[in-house]
Amino acid sequence: MALSASEKAAIVSEYQQAAGDTGSPEVQVALL
C-alpha cells in the first residue's frame, strides 16, 4: 500500500530529528 504525499509528510514531521530531516533512521523506519 503506497502512502499519499500528505500521509508521508505527516509521518516525516512526527519522527524527524530536525527541520527538513527525511533521512534519519527513525523517519525511514516509520515510513516502512
PDB file of N, CA and C in Angstrom:
ATOM      1  N   MET A   1       0.844  -1.186   0.000  1.00  0.00           N
ATOM      2  CA  MET A   1       0.000   0.000   0.000  1.00  0.00           C
ATOM      3  C   MET A   1       0.884   1.242   0.000  1.00  0.00           C
ATOM      4  N   ALA A   2       0.723   2.060  -0.990  1.00  0.00           N
ATOM      5  CA  ALA A   2       1.516   3.287  -1.094  1.00  0.00           C
ATOM      6  C   ALA A   2       0.909   4.385  -0.229  1.00  0.00           C
ATOM      7  N   LEU A   3       1.784   5.245   0.272  1.00  0.00           N
ATOM      8  CA  LEU A   3       1.332   6.381   1.071  1.00  0.00           C
ATOM      9  C   LEU A   3       1.115   7.588   0.174  1.00  0.00           C
ATOM     10  N   SER A   4       0.090   8.364   0.481  1.00  0.00           N
ATOM     11  CA  SER A   4      -0.104   9.614  -0.253  1.00  0.00           C
ATOM     12  C   SER A   4       0.939  10.619   0.229  1.00  0.00           C
ATOM     13  N   ALA A   5       1.114  11.680  -0.520  1.00  0.00           N
ATOM     14  CA  ALA A   5       2.106  12.697  -0.155  1.00  0.00           C
ATOM     15  C   ALA A   5       1.783  13.312   1.202  1.00  0.00           C
ATOM     16  N   SER A   6       0.513  13.533   1.488  1.00  0.00           N
ATOM     17  CA  SER A   6       0.146  14.141   2.772  1.00  0.00           C
ATOM     18  C   SER A   6       0.379  13.180   3.934  1.00  0.00           C
ATOM     19  N   GLU A   7       0.131  11.881   3.720  1.00  0.00           N
ATOM     20  CA  GLU A   7       0.399  10.893   4.765  1.00  0.00           C
ATOM     21  C   GLU A   7       1.896  10.807   5.049  1.00  0.00           C
ATOM     22  N   LYS A   8       2.698  10.800   3.998  1.00  0.00           N
ATOM     23  CA  LYS A   8       4.147  10.736   4.152  1.00  0.00           C
ATOM     24  C   LYS A   8       4.668  11.974   4.878  1.00  0.00           C
ATOM     25  N   ALA A   9       4.163  13.152   4.524  1.00  0.00           N
ATOM     26  CA  ALA A   9       4.589  14.397   5.167  1.00  0.00           C
ATOM     27  C   ALA A   9       4.246  14.388   6.652  1.00  0.00           C
ATOM     28  N   ALA A  10       3.090  13.848   7.009  1.00  0.00           N
ATOM     29  CA  ALA A  10       2.694  13.788   8.414  1.00  0.00           C
ATOM     30  C   ALA A  10       3.619  12.870   9.203  1.00  0.00           C
ATOM     31  N   ILE A  11       3.973  11.730   8.625  1.00  0.00           N
ATOM     32  CA  ILE A  11       4.878  10.792   9.297  1.00  0.00           C
ATOM     33  C   ILE A  11       6.260  11.412   9.457  1.00  0.00           C
ATOM     34  N   VAL A  12       6.774  12.029   8.401  1.00  0.00           N
ATOM     35  CA  VAL A  12       8.097  12.657   8.456  1.00  0.00           C
ATOM     36  C   VAL A  12       8.118  13.740   9.523  1.00  0.00           C
ATOM     37  N   SER A  13       7.091  14.582   9.581  1.00  0.00           N
ATOM     38  CA  SER A  13       7.085  15.671  10.560  1.00  0.00           C
ATOM     39  C   SER A  13       7.012  15.137  11.985  1.00  0.00           C
ATOM     40  N   GLU A  14       6.379  13.985  12.181  1.00  0.00           N
ATOM     41  CA  GLU A  14       6.276  13.406  13.517  1.00  0.00           C
ATOM     42  C   GLU A  14       7.605  12.828  14.000  1.00  0.00           C
ATOM     43  N   TYR A  15       8.371  12.217  13.106  1.00  0.00           N
ATOM     44  CA  TYR A  15       9.574  11.485  13.507  1.00  0.00           C
ATOM     45  C   TYR A  15      10.886  12.186  13.191  1.00  0.00           C
ATOM     46  N   GLN A  16      10.863  13.311  12.484  1.00  0.00           N
ATOM     47  CA  GLN A  16      12.119  13.968  12.107  1.00  0.00           C
ATOM     48  C   GLN A  16      12.863  14.486  13.331  1.00  0.00           C
ATOM     49  N   GLN A  17      14.181  14.448  13.249  1.00  0.00           N
ATOM     50  CA  GLN A  17      15.045  14.899  14.333  1.00  0.00           C
ATOM     51  C   GLN A  17      15.295  16.400  14.259  1.00  0.00           C
ATOM     52  N   ALA A  18      15.210  16.982  13.076  1.00  0.00           N
ATOM     53  CA  ALA A  18      15.408  18.413  12.857  1.00  0.00           C
ATOM     54  C   ALA A  18      14.567  18.814  11.652  1.00  0.00           C
ATOM     55  N   ALA A  19      14.351  20.099  11.488  1.00  0.00           N
ATOM     56  CA  ALA A  19      13.551  20.575  10.356  1.00  0.00           C
ATOM     57  C   ALA A  19      14.177  20.116   9.040  1.00  0.00           C
ATOM     58  N   GLY A  20      13.382  19.547   8.173  1.00  0.00           N
ATOM     59  CA  GLY A  20      13.871  19.087   6.878  1.00  0.00           C
ATOM     60  C   GLY A  20      14.511  17.712   6.896  1.00  0.00           C
ATOM     61  N   ASP A  21      14.504  17.049   8.041  1.00  0.00           N
ATOM     62  CA  ASP A  21      15.122  15.728   8.173  1.00  0.00           C
ATOM     63  C   ASP A  21      14.224  14.671   7.541  1.00  0.00           C
ATOM     64  N   THR A  22      14.707  14.035   6.488  1.00  0.00           N
ATOM     65  CA  THR A  22      13.949  12.936   5.876  1.00  0.00           C
ATOM     66  C   THR A  22      14.771  11.655   5.805  1.00  0.00           C
ATOM     67  N   GLY A  23      16.037  11.697   6.220  1.00  0.00           N
ATOM     68  CA  GLY A  23      16.905  10.543   6.054  1.00  0.00           C
ATOM     69  C   GLY A  23      17.341   9.860   7.330  1.00  0.00           C
ATOM     70  N   SER A  24      16.905  10.351   8.487  1.00  0.00           N
ATOM     71  CA  SER A  24      17.327   9.705   9.728  1.00  0.00           C
ATOM     72  C   SER A  24      16.683   8.323   9.834  1.00  0.00           C
ATOM     73  N   PRO A  25      17.320   7.418  10.559  1.00  0.00           N
ATOM     74  CA  PRO A  25      16.763   6.062  10.688  1.00  0.00           C
ATOM     75  C   PRO A  25      15.337   6.056  11.233  1.00  0.00           C
ATOM     76  N   GLU A  26      15.032   6.948  12.167  1.00  0.00           N
ATOM     77  CA  GLU A  26      13.691   6.994  12.746  1.00  0.00           C
ATOM     78  C   GLU A  26      12.635   7.272  11.679  1.00  0.00           C
ATOM     79  N   VAL A  27      12.924   8.234  10.804  1.00  0.00           N
ATOM     80  CA  VAL A  27      11.985   8.580   9.731  1.00  0.00           C
ATOM     81  C   VAL A  27      11.871   7.430   8.748  1.00  0.00           C
ATOM     82  N   GLN A  28      12.994   6.843   8.355  1.00  0.00           N
ATOM     83  CA  GLN A  28      12.976   5.774   7.364  1.00  0.00           C
ATOM     84  C   GLN A  28      12.210   4.554   7.866  1.00  0.00           C
ATOM     85  N   VAL A  29      12.390   4.180   9.131  1.00  0.00           N
ATOM     86  CA  VAL A  29      11.679   3.028   9.686  1.00  0.00           C
ATOM     87  C   VAL A  29      10.191   3.336   9.807  1.00  0.00           C
ATOM     88  N   ALA A  30       9.846   4.553  10.197  1.00  0.00           N
ATOM     89  CA  ALA A  30       8.435   4.928  10.332  1.00  0.00           C
ATOM     90  C   ALA A  30       7.710   4.841   8.994  1.00  0.00           C
ATOM     91  N   LEU A  31       8.411   5.106   7.906  1.00  0.00           N
ATOM     92  CA  LEU A  31       7.789   5.068   6.582  1.00  0.00           C
ATOM     93  C   LEU A  31       7.580   3.649   6.061  1.00  0.00           C
ATOM     94  N   LEU A  32       8.224   2.663   6.682  1.00  0.00           N
ATOM     95  CA  LEU A  32       8.092   1.278   6.191  1.00  0.00           C
ATOM     96  C   LEU A  32       6.742   0.708   6.489  1.00  0.00           C
TER      97      LEU A  32
END
